[in-house]
Amino acid sequence: MNQITHDSNVIMHFTIKLSDGSAADSTKVNNKPAKFTMGDGSLSENFEKCLLGLVQGETKSFELQPEDAFGMPNPDNIYFVERSKFNNDVPAEVGMIVAFTQPDGVELPGVIREVAGESVTVDFNHPLAGQVVTFDVDVLEVN
């Protein structure tokens, strides 16, 4: 049996569920399993710990607290942006996720939390920060 170790190449399907049971993300939607190498930084250390020892063909579900998954929201990641930065193509609407291009050219997604006068509050924390999440994994292949 191929077992996941610290340097395994893994192909798996995963679904991230919120505490209310709704799916926040799933590789099954487009039937495109995730491919990664353990330790390459694409998964958090705590998520990798949960995968260690699983074998090819195994299905497992585990719950992670916020600090073990996407972290707690950081107040330093909340910014106030001038409303003039938005337009008809990119309206300032509460709940929208907008990609902002940083000076280095990298796009960073932010969630609009509040619109007050000429000020728009944008939260750059991970959308799942502060949430207890359940990961359902189907290990398809381990090399």
Protein backbone atom coordinates (compact mmCIF):
# COMPACT_ATOMS: atom_id res chain seq x y z
CA MET A 1 0.00 0.00 0.00
CA ASN A 2 1.29 3.44 -0.89
CA GLN A 3 1.22 5.51 2.29
CA ILE A 4 1.60 9.30 2.47
CA THR A 5 4.97 10.29 3.94
CA HIS A 6 6.78 13.64 4.31
CA ASP A 7 7.96 13.66 0.66
CA SER A 8 5.10 11.87 -1.14
CA ASN A 9 3.57 13.09 -4.38
CA VAL A 10 -0.18 13.03 -3.81
CA ILE A 11 -3.22 13.27 -6.07
CA MET A 12 -6.48 13.68 -4.19
CA HIS A 13 -9.93 15.17 -4.24
CA PHE A 14 -10.84 17.43 -1.34
CA THR A 15 -13.90 19.29 -0.16
CA ILE A 16 -13.74 22.07 2.43
CA LYS A 17 -16.96 22.37 4.42
CA LEU A 18 -18.00 25.11 6.81
CA SER A 19 -19.55 24.40 10.21
CA ASP A 20 -23.05 24.72 8.69
CA GLY A 21 -22.22 21.85 6.29
CA SER A 22 -22.01 24.00 3.14
CA ALA A 23 -19.09 23.41 0.79
CA ALA A 24 -16.68 26.35 0.52
CA ASP A 25 -14.45 24.67 -2.06
CA SER A 26 -14.20 21.31 -3.77
CA THR A 27 -12.00 19.80 -6.45
CA LYS A 28 -14.93 17.58 -7.41
CA VAL A 29 -16.88 20.49 -8.95
CA ASN A 30 -14.68 20.48 -12.06
CA ASN A 31 -13.43 16.92 -11.48
CA LYS A 32 -9.85 18.23 -11.23
CA PRO A 33 -8.09 16.55 -8.31
CA ALA A 34 -5.35 18.43 -6.48
CA LYS A 35 -1.76 17.37 -7.24
CA PHE A 36 1.03 18.35 -4.86
CA THR A 37 4.18 17.17 -3.11
CA MET A 38 4.12 16.98 0.68
CA GLY A 39 6.22 19.81 2.12
CA ASP A 40 6.08 22.00 -1.00
CA GLY A 41 4.15 24.72 0.83
CA SER A 42 0.89 24.33 -1.07
CA LEU A 43 -0.82 23.00 2.08
CA SER A 44 -0.56 24.21 5.67
CA GLU A 45 1.63 22.21 8.04
CA ASN A 46 -1.43 21.17 10.07
CA PHE A 47 -3.27 19.97 6.98
CA GLU A 48 -0.23 17.90 5.96
CA LYS A 49 -0.07 16.37 9.45
CA CYS A 50 -3.64 15.11 8.97
CA LEU A 51 -2.67 13.46 5.67
CA LEU A 52 0.43 11.64 6.94
CA GLY A 53 -0.16 7.91 7.08
CA LEU A 54 -3.20 7.89 4.81
CA VAL A 55 -3.02 5.34 2.00
CA GLN A 56 -3.99 5.34 -1.65
CA GLY A 57 -7.74 4.76 -1.96
CA GLU A 58 -8.50 5.99 1.56
CA THR A 59 -11.28 8.50 2.28
CA LYS A 60 -11.04 10.56 5.45
CA SER A 61 -12.75 13.52 7.06
CA PHE A 62 -11.17 15.77 9.68
CA GLU A 63 -12.10 19.00 11.39
CA LEU A 64 -9.60 21.83 11.82
CA GLN A 65 -9.86 24.78 14.19
CA PRO A 66 -9.24 28.23 12.65
CA GLU A 67 -5.64 28.43 13.91
CA ASP A 68 -4.90 25.04 12.29
CA ALA A 69 -6.58 25.87 8.96
CA PHE A 70 -6.69 29.41 7.54
CA GLY A 71 -5.74 31.30 10.70
CA MET A 72 -7.54 33.96 12.62
CA PRO A 73 -8.46 37.26 10.95
CA ASN A 74 -5.69 39.85 11.30
CA PRO A 75 -6.91 43.44 11.80
CA ASP A 76 -3.80 44.65 9.92
CA ASN A 77 -5.21 43.02 6.76
CA ILE A 78 -8.24 45.33 6.68
CA TYR A 79 -7.83 48.45 4.56
CA PHE A 80 -9.88 51.51 3.69
CA VAL A 81 -9.95 52.23 -0.04
CA GLU A 82 -11.32 55.37 -1.72
CA ARG A 83 -14.64 54.73 -3.42
CA SER A 84 -13.23 56.41 -6.58
CA LYS A 85 -11.06 53.29 -7.10
CA PHE A 86 -14.25 51.41 -8.01
CA ASN A 87 -16.42 51.78 -11.12
CA ASN A 88 -19.25 50.10 -13.04
CA ASP A 89 -16.99 47.18 -13.99
CA VAL A 90 -15.85 46.76 -10.38
CA PRO A 91 -18.65 48.08 -8.16
CA ALA A 92 -18.17 48.62 -4.43
CA GLU A 93 -20.75 46.14 -3.14
CA VAL A 94 -20.63 44.49 0.30
CA GLY A 95 -19.71 40.81 0.02
CA MET A 96 -18.01 41.09 -3.37
CA ILE A 97 -14.52 39.68 -3.79
CA VAL A 98 -12.29 42.04 -5.75
CA ALA A 99 -8.75 41.40 -7.00
CA PHE A 100 -6.38 44.29 -6.31
CA THR A 101 -3.08 44.46 -8.18
CA GLN A 102 -0.19 45.15 -5.83
CA PRO A 103 2.87 47.22 -6.83
CA ASP A 104 4.77 43.98 -7.62
CA GLY A 105 2.03 42.98 -10.09
CA VAL A 106 0.63 40.17 -7.93
CA GLU A 107 -3.16 40.17 -7.54
CA LEU A 108 -4.54 39.96 -4.02
CA PRO A 109 -8.24 39.17 -3.46
CA GLY A 110 -10.12 41.25 -0.91
CA VAL A 111 -13.69 41.02 0.38
CA ILE A 112 -15.67 44.25 0.56
CA ARG A 113 -17.02 44.45 4.12
CA GLU A 114 -18.52 47.95 4.26
CA VAL A 115 -19.24 50.95 2.04
CA ALA A 116 -19.62 54.25 3.90
CA GLY A 117 -19.59 57.54 1.97
CA GLU A 118 -16.31 57.72 0.03
CA SER A 119 -14.66 54.94 2.07
CA VAL A 120 -14.77 51.24 1.21
CA THR A 121 -13.59 48.72 3.82
CA VAL A 122 -11.70 45.83 2.18
CA ASP A 123 -10.70 42.70 4.11
CA PHE A 124 -7.61 40.94 2.73
CA ASN A 125 -7.76 38.10 5.27
CA HIS A 126 -8.41 34.66 3.78
CA PRO A 127 -12.21 34.36 3.33
CA LEU A 128 -12.16 31.28 5.60
CA ALA A 129 -10.03 32.89 8.33
CA GLY A 130 -11.57 32.42 11.76
CA GLN A 131 -13.74 29.51 10.66
CA VAL A 132 -13.78 25.90 11.84
CA VAL A 133 -13.57 23.83 8.66
CA THR A 134 -14.00 20.16 7.81
CA PHE A 135 -11.80 18.64 5.12
CA ASP A 136 -13.08 15.59 3.29
CA VAL A 137 -10.28 13.94 1.32
CA ASP A 138 -10.24 11.08 -1.18
CA VAL A 139 -6.65 9.94 -1.71
CA LEU A 140 -6.45 8.86 -5.35
CA GLU A 141 -2.74 8.27 -5.82
CA VAL A 142 0.44 8.30 -3.71
CA ASN A 143 3.96 8.06 -5.18
